[in-house]
Amino acid sequence: MPGAPVTCDREPGHGVGSARRDPRVLADHRAAARRARPRGPRSGAPRVTKLDGTAATNGARFHDVLVLFDWNGTLVLDAGRARTALNGVLGRRGIAPLTPDDFAERFHLPMATMFTDLGVPNADTAAAESEWNTDVAGHEAAPRPGLAAALEQLYDGGARLGIVSAAAAAAVDADLDRLGVRHRFHTIDTAAADKPHALRSRRQSRANAYYVGDTTYDIRSALTAGFVPIGVADGYTSAPRLVDAGAAAIVADLRQLVQVIAG
């Protein structure tokens, strides 16, 4: 994205369907992530009970957990907004618009590479990215189901939460302010052109680290940085492609993410 990455640090203050996952894959990813850093102190295993046929995680503790999130398509459901903004950028350059299926197949990160692949000259990719971010920031997007509840439970349970997004600060900030969830995040990294590097810089000493995203780049970045990769449904990329890229689980509602982390 144009300009230097923006980083924000903040010190902390004071019934859902099951996620799609392969327990063996999830266990393998968790083991690999734990080997990536020395294991810190661990509290007792989260208490998990059954409620209306689904896993309940009230009272679970997450003091050994780090969860970092992508933003667009992950915490906000904005594939339509993103495609409209992208087609606006392409249209102003005489490039044919993308259908929803085209968008799902051809949107990828880093955005500069995607714009080049779509026919935007290299010298014009920075301007194209800036236009895309401006268009996205000017339109609202719906939160992913379970957003507020999941963030509250993870935060109150002691998890360290953050955002690592390739989008510009203005675009993410506009959504954070509209949704009123900024106070749940300890760190916010935007304009992250190199996500593996950004993730590694936030790894710290938490025994269990997860990165939640909606693109194959997000999944690969998580694996490269030693995080457990969690994919989301209904984002910019189809769930099967996320699984093929190595996602340990796919969630549609973020309360399912809490269940995955609680085990």
C-alpha atoms as a PDB file:
ATOM      1  CA  MET A   1       0.000   0.000   0.000  1.00  0.00           C
ATOM      2  CA  PRO A   2       1.181   3.591  -0.478  1.00  0.00           C
ATOM      3  CA  GLY A   3       3.305   5.017   2.313  1.00  0.00           C
ATOM      4  CA  ALA A   4       4.944   3.345   5.250  1.00  0.00           C
ATOM      5  CA  PRO A   5       3.096   0.725   7.277  1.00  0.00           C
ATOM      6  CA  VAL A   6       1.170   2.161  10.213  1.00  0.00           C
ATOM      7  CA  THR A   7       1.593   0.474  13.577  1.00  0.00           C
ATOM      8  CA  CYS A   8      -0.435   1.108  16.710  1.00  0.00           C
ATOM      9  CA  ASP A   9       0.299  -0.385  20.119  1.00  0.00           C
ATOM     10  CA  ARG A  10      -2.122  -0.166  23.012  1.00  0.00           C
ATOM     11  CA  GLU A  11      -1.730  -1.647  26.438  1.00  0.00           C
ATOM     12  CA  PRO A  12      -4.772  -3.561  27.664  1.00  0.00           C
ATOM     13  CA  GLY A  13      -7.116  -2.088  30.218  1.00  0.00           C
ATOM     14  CA  HIS A  14      -8.034  -3.333  33.483  1.00  0.00           C
ATOM     15  CA  GLY A  15     -25.012 -20.845  20.393  1.00  0.00           C
ATOM     16  CA  VAL A  16     -23.133 -21.318  17.029  1.00  0.00           C
ATOM     17  CA  GLY A  17     -22.668 -24.128  14.480  1.00  0.00           C
ATOM     18  CA  SER A  18     -19.419 -26.045  14.556  1.00  0.00           C
ATOM     19  CA  ALA A  19     -16.446 -24.803  12.556  1.00  0.00           C
ATOM     20  CA  ARG A  20     -15.177 -26.934   9.695  1.00  0.00           C
ATOM     21  CA  ARG A  21     -11.847 -28.355  10.764  1.00  0.00           C
ATOM     22  CA  ASP A  22      -9.631 -31.412  10.663  1.00  0.00           C
ATOM     23  CA  PRO A  23      -8.478 -32.058  14.256  1.00  0.00           C
ATOM     24  CA  ARG A  24      -5.265 -33.695  13.057  1.00  0.00           C
ATOM     25  CA  VAL A  25      -4.384 -30.737  10.844  1.00  0.00           C
ATOM     26  CA  LEU A  26      -5.216 -28.297  13.635  1.00  0.00           C
ATOM     27  CA  ALA A  27      -3.045 -30.227  16.087  1.00  0.00           C
ATOM     28  CA  ASP A  28      -0.149 -30.293  13.619  1.00  0.00           C
ATOM     29  CA  HIS A  29      -0.388 -26.529  13.054  1.00  0.00           C
ATOM     30  CA  ARG A  30      -0.571 -25.835  16.783  1.00  0.00           C
ATOM     31  CA  ALA A  31       2.503 -27.965  17.415  1.00  0.00           C
ATOM     32  CA  ALA A  32       4.446 -26.200  14.675  1.00  0.00           C
ATOM     33  CA  ALA A  33       3.426 -22.779  15.979  1.00  0.00           C
ATOM     34  CA  ARG A  34       4.492 -23.674  19.513  1.00  0.00           C
ATOM     35  CA  ARG A  35       7.892 -24.796  18.269  1.00  0.00           C
ATOM     36  CA  ALA A  36       8.340 -21.423  16.597  1.00  0.00           C
ATOM     37  CA  ARG A  37       8.737 -19.703  19.982  1.00  0.00           C
ATOM     38  CA  PRO A  38       9.593 -20.808  23.525  1.00  0.00           C
ATOM     39  CA  ARG A  39       6.497 -21.930  25.353  1.00  0.00           C
ATOM     40  CA  GLY A  40       5.313 -19.532  28.031  1.00  0.00           C
ATOM     41  CA  PRO A  41       3.366 -20.323  31.192  1.00  0.00           C
ATOM     42  CA  ARG A  42       0.023 -21.951  30.545  1.00  0.00           C
ATOM     43  CA  SER A  43      -3.146 -21.826  32.561  1.00  0.00           C
ATOM     44  CA  GLY A  44      -5.441 -24.818  32.897  1.00  0.00           C
ATOM     45  CA  ALA A  45      -7.268 -26.115  29.841  1.00  0.00           C
ATOM     46  CA  PRO A  46     -10.346 -24.064  28.893  1.00  0.00           C
ATOM     47  CA  ARG A  47     -13.599 -25.336  30.311  1.00  0.00           C
ATOM     48  CA  VAL A  48     -15.813 -26.426  27.416  1.00  0.00           C
ATOM     49  CA  THR A  49     -19.405 -27.549  27.869  1.00  0.00           C
ATOM     50  CA  LYS A  50     -22.332 -28.232  25.578  1.00  0.00           C
ATOM     51  CA  LEU A  51     -25.121 -25.731  25.069  1.00  0.00           C
ATOM     52  CA  ASP A  52     -27.982 -26.355  22.657  1.00  0.00           C
ATOM     53  CA  GLY A  53     -25.864 -28.840  20.749  1.00  0.00           C
ATOM     54  CA  THR A  54     -22.879 -26.517  20.288  1.00  0.00           C
ATOM     55  CA  ALA A  55     -19.667 -25.968  22.194  1.00  0.00           C
ATOM     56  CA  ALA A  56     -19.928 -23.257  24.844  1.00  0.00           C
ATOM     57  CA  THR A  57     -16.789 -21.485  25.996  1.00  0.00           C
ATOM     58  CA  ASN A  58     -17.988 -19.174  28.775  1.00  0.00           C
ATOM     59  CA  GLY A  59     -15.236 -18.845  31.351  1.00  0.00           C
ATOM     60  CA  ALA A  60     -12.466 -20.066  29.049  1.00  0.00           C
ATOM     61  CA  ARG A  61      -9.091 -18.481  29.700  1.00  0.00           C
ATOM     62  CA  PHE A  62      -6.743 -17.463  26.919  1.00  0.00           C
ATOM     63  CA  HIS A  63      -3.687 -16.034  28.683  1.00  0.00           C
ATOM     64  CA  ASP A  64      -1.313 -18.045  26.462  1.00  0.00           C
ATOM     65  CA  VAL A  65      -3.082 -17.045  23.226  1.00  0.00           C
ATOM     66  CA  LEU A  66      -2.244 -14.462  20.565  1.00  0.00           C
ATOM     67  CA  VAL A  67      -4.843 -13.881  17.838  1.00  0.00           C
ATOM     68  CA  LEU A  68      -4.092 -11.568  14.932  1.00  0.00           C
ATOM     69  CA  PHE A  69      -6.688 -10.795  12.274  1.00  0.00           C
ATOM     70  CA  ASP A  70      -6.768  -9.616   8.713  1.00  0.00           C
ATOM     71  CA  TRP A  71      -9.439  -6.935   8.310  1.00  0.00           C
ATOM     72  CA  ASN A  72     -11.214  -6.710   4.932  1.00  0.00           C
ATOM     73  CA  GLY A  73     -13.202  -9.845   4.181  1.00  0.00           C
ATOM     74  CA  THR A  74     -12.263 -11.270   7.572  1.00  0.00           C
ATOM     75  CA  LEU A  75     -13.713  -9.088  10.322  1.00  0.00           C
ATOM     76  CA  VAL A  76     -15.952  -7.180   7.920  1.00  0.00           C
ATOM     77  CA  LEU A  77     -18.001  -8.771   5.144  1.00  0.00           C
ATOM     78  CA  ASP A  78     -17.075  -6.438   2.331  1.00  0.00           C
ATOM     79  CA  ALA A  79     -16.327  -8.494  -0.762  1.00  0.00           C
ATOM     80  CA  GLY A  80     -19.020  -6.534  -2.604  1.00  0.00           C
ATOM     81  CA  ARG A  81     -17.588  -3.211  -1.446  1.00  0.00           C
ATOM     82  CA  ALA A  82     -14.075  -4.291  -2.401  1.00  0.00           C
ATOM     83  CA  ARG A  83     -15.132  -5.502  -5.861  1.00  0.00           C
ATOM     84  CA  THR A  84     -17.014  -2.265  -6.551  1.00  0.00           C
ATOM     85  CA  ALA A  85     -13.962  -0.238  -5.537  1.00  0.00           C
ATOM     86  CA  LEU A  86     -11.670  -2.435  -7.620  1.00  0.00           C
ATOM     87  CA  ASN A  87     -13.891  -2.177 -10.681  1.00  0.00           C
ATOM     88  CA  GLY A  88     -13.934   1.599 -10.265  1.00  0.00           C
ATOM     89  CA  VAL A  89     -10.137   1.642 -10.323  1.00  0.00           C
ATOM     90  CA  LEU A  90     -10.050  -0.625 -13.372  1.00  0.00           C
ATOM     91  CA  GLY A  91     -12.801   1.257 -15.195  1.00  0.00           C
ATOM     92  CA  ARG A  92     -10.974   4.562 -14.894  1.00  0.00           C
ATOM     93  CA  ARG A  93      -8.094   2.876 -16.699  1.00  0.00           C
ATOM     94  CA  GLY A  94     -10.184   1.299 -19.427  1.00  0.00           C
ATOM     95  CA  ILE A  95      -9.870  -2.228 -17.999  1.00  0.00           C
ATOM     96  CA  ALA A  96     -12.886  -4.551 -18.032  1.00  0.00           C
ATOM     97  CA  PRO A  97     -14.668  -5.021 -14.686  1.00  0.00           C
ATOM     98  CA  LEU A  98     -14.538  -8.260 -12.711  1.00  0.00           C
ATOM     99  CA  THR A  99     -17.598 -10.410 -12.090  1.00  0.00           C
ATOM    100  CA  PRO A 100     -18.074 -11.820  -8.568  1.00  0.00           C
ATOM    101  CA  ASP A 101     -16.533 -15.108  -9.719  1.00  0.00           C
ATOM    102  CA  ASP A 102     -13.638 -13.278 -11.386  1.00  0.00           C
ATOM    103  CA  PHE A 103     -13.048 -11.311  -8.203  1.00  0.00           C
ATOM    104  CA  ALA A 104     -12.981 -14.453  -6.049  1.00  0.00           C
ATOM    105  CA  GLU A 105     -10.398 -16.008  -8.350  1.00  0.00           C
ATOM    106  CA  ARG A 106      -8.224 -13.018  -9.182  1.00  0.00           C
ATOM    107  CA  PHE A 107      -8.107 -10.892  -6.029  1.00  0.00           C
ATOM    108  CA  HIS A 108      -4.833 -11.528  -4.240  1.00  0.00           C
ATOM    109  CA  LEU A 109      -2.138  -9.842  -2.227  1.00  0.00           C
ATOM    110  CA  PRO A 110       0.113  -7.957  -2.389  1.00  0.00           C
ATOM    111  CA  MET A 111      -2.245  -5.548  -4.124  1.00  0.00           C
ATOM    112  CA  ALA A 112       0.477  -4.029  -6.293  1.00  0.00           C
ATOM    113  CA  THR A 113       1.055  -7.441  -7.836  1.00  0.00           C
ATOM    114  CA  MET A 114      -2.670  -7.960  -8.334  1.00  0.00           C
ATOM    115  CA  PHE A 115      -3.073  -4.623 -10.105  1.00  0.00           C
ATOM    116  CA  THR A 116      -0.166  -5.472 -12.390  1.00  0.00           C
ATOM    117  CA  ASP A 117      -1.741  -8.852 -13.158  1.00  0.00           C
ATOM    118  CA  LEU A 118      -5.012  -7.091 -14.007  1.00  0.00           C
ATOM    119  CA  GLY A 119      -3.319  -4.803 -16.521  1.00  0.00           C
ATOM    120  CA  VAL A 120      -2.429  -1.709 -14.492  1.00  0.00           C
ATOM    121  CA  PRO A 121       1.064  -0.429 -15.446  1.00  0.00           C
ATOM    122  CA  ASN A 122       3.708  -0.812 -12.743  1.00  0.00           C
ATOM    123  CA  ALA A 123       4.156   2.942 -12.518  1.00  0.00           C
ATOM    124  CA  ASP A 124       0.445   3.348 -11.748  1.00  0.00           C
ATOM    125  CA  THR A 125      -0.055   0.659  -9.081  1.00  0.00           C
ATOM    126  CA  ALA A 126       0.547   2.993  -6.115  1.00  0.00           C
ATOM    127  CA  ALA A 127      -2.132   5.388  -7.366  1.00  0.00           C
ATOM    128  CA  ALA A 128      -4.476   2.462  -8.014  1.00  0.00           C
ATOM    129  CA  GLU A 129      -4.018   1.196  -4.446  1.00  0.00           C
ATOM    130  CA  SER A 130      -4.642   4.666  -3.040  1.00  0.00           C
ATOM    131  CA  GLU A 131      -7.859   5.008  -5.047  1.00  0.00           C
ATOM    132  CA  TRP A 132      -9.033   1.573  -3.897  1.00  0.00           C
ATOM    133  CA  ASN A 133      -8.464   2.433  -0.239  1.00  0.00           C
ATOM    134  CA  THR A 134     -10.252   5.764  -0.588  1.00  0.00           C
ATOM    135  CA  ASP A 135     -13.268   4.129  -2.223  1.00  0.00           C
ATOM    136  CA  VAL A 136     -13.412   1.375   0.410  1.00  0.00           C
ATOM    137  CA  ALA A 137     -13.173   3.842   3.308  1.00  0.00           C
ATOM    138  CA  GLY A 138     -16.116   5.799   1.934  1.00  0.00           C
ATOM    139  CA  HIS A 139     -18.603   2.934   2.181  1.00  0.00           C
ATOM    140  CA  GLU A 140     -19.838   0.961   5.170  1.00  0.00           C
ATOM    141  CA  ALA A 141     -19.491  -2.792   5.544  1.00  0.00           C
ATOM    142  CA  ALA A 142     -21.293  -5.260   7.773  1.00  0.00           C
ATOM    143  CA  PRO A 143     -19.367  -6.913  10.606  1.00  0.00           C
ATOM    144  CA  ARG A 144     -18.781 -10.639  10.390  1.00  0.00           C
ATOM    145  CA  PRO A 145     -21.335 -12.516  12.538  1.00  0.00           C
ATOM    146  CA  GLY A 146     -20.146 -12.966  16.100  1.00  0.00           C
ATOM    147  CA  LEU A 147     -17.536 -10.189  15.855  1.00  0.00           C
ATOM    148  CA  ALA A 148     -18.354  -8.283  19.044  1.00  0.00           C
ATOM    149  CA  ALA A 149     -19.062 -11.389  21.122  1.00  0.00           C
ATOM    150  CA  ALA A 150     -15.896 -13.213  20.057  1.00  0.00           C
ATOM    151  CA  LEU A 151     -13.630 -10.224  20.602  1.00  0.00           C
ATOM    152  CA  GLU A 152     -15.144  -9.622  24.024  1.00  0.00           C
ATOM    153  CA  GLN A 153     -14.710 -13.228  25.121  1.00  0.00           C
ATOM    154  CA  LEU A 154     -11.134 -13.519  23.859  1.00  0.00           C
ATOM    155  CA  TYR A 155     -10.142 -10.134  25.290  1.00  0.00           C
ATOM    156  CA  ASP A 156     -11.776 -10.733  28.671  1.00  0.00           C
ATOM    157  CA  GLY A 157     -10.209 -14.206  28.751  1.00  0.00           C
ATOM    158  CA  GLY A 158      -6.722 -12.725  28.519  1.00  0.00           C
ATOM    159  CA  ALA A 159      -5.892 -13.207  24.827  1.00  0.00           C
ATOM    160  CA  ARG A 160      -3.731 -10.627  23.115  1.00  0.00           C
ATOM    161  CA  LEU A 161      -5.528  -9.382  19.993  1.00  0.00           C
ATOM    162  CA  GLY A 162      -4.307  -7.462  16.984  1.00  0.00           C
ATOM    163  CA  ILE A 163      -4.897  -6.546  13.361  1.00  0.00           C
ATOM    164  CA  VAL A 164      -2.417  -7.108  10.532  1.00  0.00           C
ATOM    165  CA  SER A 165      -3.911  -5.748   7.314  1.00  0.00           C
ATOM    166  CA  ALA A 166      -2.598  -4.679   3.931  1.00  0.00           C
ATOM    167  CA  ALA A 167      -5.286  -1.991   3.752  1.00  0.00           C
ATOM    168  CA  ALA A 168      -4.426   1.631   4.436  1.00  0.00           C
ATOM    169  CA  ALA A 169      -4.929   3.025   7.932  1.00  0.00           C
ATOM    170  CA  ALA A 170      -7.749   5.332   6.816  1.00  0.00           C
ATOM    171  CA  ALA A 171      -9.794   2.424   5.457  1.00  0.00           C
ATOM    172  CA  VAL A 172      -9.384   0.271   8.570  1.00  0.00           C
ATOM    173  CA  ASP A 173      -9.852   3.211  10.946  1.00  0.00           C
ATOM    174  CA  ALA A 174     -13.143   4.163   9.315  1.00  0.00           C
ATOM    175  CA  ASP A 175     -14.525   0.659   9.880  1.00  0.00           C
ATOM    176  CA  LEU A 176     -13.160   0.426  13.431  1.00  0.00           C
ATOM    177  CA  ASP A 177     -14.867   3.676  14.364  1.00  0.00           C
ATOM    178  CA  ARG A 178     -18.169   2.683  12.762  1.00  0.00           C
ATOM    179  CA  LEU A 179     -18.184  -0.722  14.468  1.00  0.00           C
ATOM    180  CA  GLY A 180     -16.942   0.502  17.855  1.00  0.00           C
ATOM    181  CA  VAL A 181     -14.461  -2.346  18.453  1.00  0.00           C
ATOM    182  CA  ARG A 182     -11.134  -0.501  18.417  1.00  0.00           C
ATOM    183  CA  HIS A 183     -10.746  -0.898  22.196  1.00  0.00           C
ATOM    184  CA  ARG A 184     -10.545  -4.700  21.834  1.00  0.00           C
ATOM    185  CA  PHE A 185      -7.245  -4.623  19.934  1.00  0.00           C
ATOM    186  CA  HIS A 186      -3.859  -4.290  21.591  1.00  0.00           C
ATOM    187  CA  THR A 187      -2.025  -3.688  18.299  1.00  0.00           C
ATOM    188  CA  ILE A 188      -3.089  -2.455  14.862  1.00  0.00           C
ATOM    189  CA  ASP A 189      -0.761  -2.819  11.876  1.00  0.00           C
ATOM    190  CA  THR A 190      -2.008  -1.442   8.552  1.00  0.00           C
ATOM    191  CA  ALA A 191      -0.441  -1.054   5.096  1.00  0.00           C
ATOM    192  CA  ALA A 192       1.407  -4.304   5.816  1.00  0.00           C
ATOM    193  CA  ALA A 193       2.930  -5.134   2.435  1.00  0.00           C
ATOM    194  CA  ASP A 194       4.898  -8.055   3.937  1.00  0.00           C
ATOM    195  CA  LYS A 195       2.519  -9.928   6.207  1.00  0.00           C
ATOM    196  CA  PRO A 196       4.944 -12.685   7.274  1.00  0.00           C
ATOM    197  CA  HIS A 197       7.319 -10.001   8.548  1.00  0.00           C
ATOM    198  CA  ALA A 198       4.499  -8.150  10.321  1.00  0.00           C
ATOM    199  CA  LEU A 199       3.281 -11.361  11.954  1.00  0.00           C
ATOM    200  CA  ARG A 200       6.758 -12.332  13.139  1.00  0.00           C
ATOM    201  CA  SER A 201       7.218  -8.887  14.678  1.00  0.00           C
ATOM    202  CA  ARG A 202       4.126  -9.508  16.828  1.00  0.00           C
ATOM    203  CA  ARG A 203       4.808 -13.158  17.731  1.00  0.00           C
ATOM    204  CA  GLN A 204       6.123 -12.448  21.248  1.00  0.00           C
ATOM    205  CA  SER A 205       6.133 -15.294  23.788  1.00  0.00           C
ATOM    206  CA  ARG A 206       2.521 -16.461  23.701  1.00  0.00           C
ATOM    207  CA  ALA A 207       2.465 -20.242  23.369  1.00  0.00           C
ATOM    208  CA  ASN A 208      -0.459 -20.363  20.920  1.00  0.00           C
ATOM    209  CA  ALA A 209      -0.572 -17.927  18.002  1.00  0.00           C
ATOM    210  CA  TYR A 210      -3.341 -17.755  15.394  1.00  0.00           C
ATOM    211  CA  TYR A 211      -3.780 -15.640  12.281  1.00  0.00           C
ATOM    212  CA  VAL A 212      -7.282 -15.341  10.855  1.00  0.00           C
ATOM    213  CA  GLY A 213      -7.694 -14.365   7.214  1.00  0.00           C
ATOM    214  CA  ASP A 214      -9.725 -14.735   4.046  1.00  0.00           C
ATOM    215  CA  THR A 215      -7.100 -15.089   1.291  1.00  0.00           C
ATOM    216  CA  THR A 216      -4.562 -17.736   0.365  1.00  0.00           C
ATOM    217  CA  TYR A 217      -1.879 -15.114   1.001  1.00  0.00           C
ATOM    218  CA  ASP A 218      -3.126 -14.802   4.588  1.00  0.00           C
ATOM    219  CA  ILE A 219      -2.927 -18.564   5.084  1.00  0.00           C
ATOM    220  CA  ARG A 220       0.557 -18.820   3.582  1.00  0.00           C
ATOM    221  CA  SER A 221       1.730 -15.832   5.624  1.00  0.00           C
ATOM    222  CA  ALA A 222       0.511 -17.467   8.832  1.00  0.00           C
ATOM    223  CA  LEU A 223       2.321 -20.700   8.048  1.00  0.00           C
ATOM    224  CA  THR A 224       5.525 -18.864   7.133  1.00  0.00           C
ATOM    225  CA  ALA A 225       5.452 -16.894  10.394  1.00  0.00           C
ATOM    226  CA  GLY A 226       4.717 -19.914  12.609  1.00  0.00           C
ATOM    227  CA  PHE A 227       1.050 -19.122  13.299  1.00  0.00           C
ATOM    228  CA  VAL A 228      -1.912 -21.494  13.169  1.00  0.00           C
ATOM    229  CA  PRO A 229      -3.808 -20.373  10.024  1.00  0.00           C
ATOM    230  CA  ILE A 230      -7.587 -19.999  10.360  1.00  0.00           C
ATOM    231  CA  GLY A 231      -9.683 -19.225   7.277  1.00  0.00           C
ATOM    232  CA  VAL A 232     -13.078 -17.560   7.114  1.00  0.00           C
ATOM    233  CA  ALA A 233     -16.021 -18.334   4.865  1.00  0.00           C
ATOM    234  CA  ASP A 234     -17.687 -15.693   2.692  1.00  0.00           C
ATOM    235  CA  GLY A 235     -14.559 -13.567   2.363  1.00  0.00           C
ATOM    236  CA  TYR A 236     -12.610 -12.693  -0.783  1.00  0.00           C
ATOM    237  CA  THR A 237     -11.504 -16.289  -1.449  1.00  0.00           C
ATOM    238  CA  SER A 238     -13.517 -19.518  -1.441  1.00  0.00           C
ATOM    239  CA  ALA A 239     -13.217 -21.858   1.541  1.00  0.00           C
ATOM    240  CA  PRO A 240     -11.882 -24.791  -0.549  1.00  0.00           C
ATOM    241  CA  ARG A 241      -8.991 -22.659  -1.786  1.00  0.00           C
ATOM    242  CA  LEU A 242      -8.171 -21.653   1.795  1.00  0.00           C
ATOM    243  CA  VAL A 243      -8.148 -25.299   2.841  1.00  0.00           C
ATOM    244  CA  ASP A 244      -5.887 -26.162  -0.094  1.00  0.00           C
ATOM    245  CA  ALA A 245      -3.528 -23.382   1.028  1.00  0.00           C
ATOM    246  CA  GLY A 246      -3.269 -24.966   4.480  1.00  0.00           C
ATOM    247  CA  ALA A 247      -6.027 -23.492   6.660  1.00  0.00           C
ATOM    248  CA  ALA A 248      -6.396 -25.530   9.860  1.00  0.00           C
ATOM    249  CA  ALA A 249     -10.075 -24.591  10.203  1.00  0.00           C
ATOM    250  CA  ILE A 250     -12.738 -22.553   8.415  1.00  0.00           C
ATOM    251  CA  VAL A 251     -15.175 -20.428  10.424  1.00  0.00           C
ATOM    252  CA  ALA A 252     -18.163 -18.413   9.268  1.00  0.00           C
ATOM    253  CA  ASP A 253     -19.204 -16.939  12.628  1.00  0.00           C
ATOM    254  CA  LEU A 254     -16.384 -15.677  14.836  1.00  0.00           C
ATOM    255  CA  ARG A 255     -17.874 -17.396  17.870  1.00  0.00           C
ATOM    256  CA  GLN A 256     -16.758 -20.569  16.116  1.00  0.00           C
ATOM    257  CA  LEU A 257     -13.213 -19.193  16.282  1.00  0.00           C
ATOM    258  CA  VAL A 258     -13.450 -19.092  20.072  1.00  0.00           C
ATOM    259  CA  GLN A 259     -14.503 -22.747  20.014  1.00  0.00           C
ATOM    260  CA  VAL A 260     -11.532 -23.665  17.803  1.00  0.00           C
ATOM    261  CA  ILE A 261      -9.071 -21.884  20.087  1.00  0.00           C
ATOM    262  CA  ALA A 262     -10.626 -23.321  23.237  1.00  0.00           C
ATOM    263  CA  GLY A 263     -10.187 -26.777  21.706  1.00  0.00           C
END
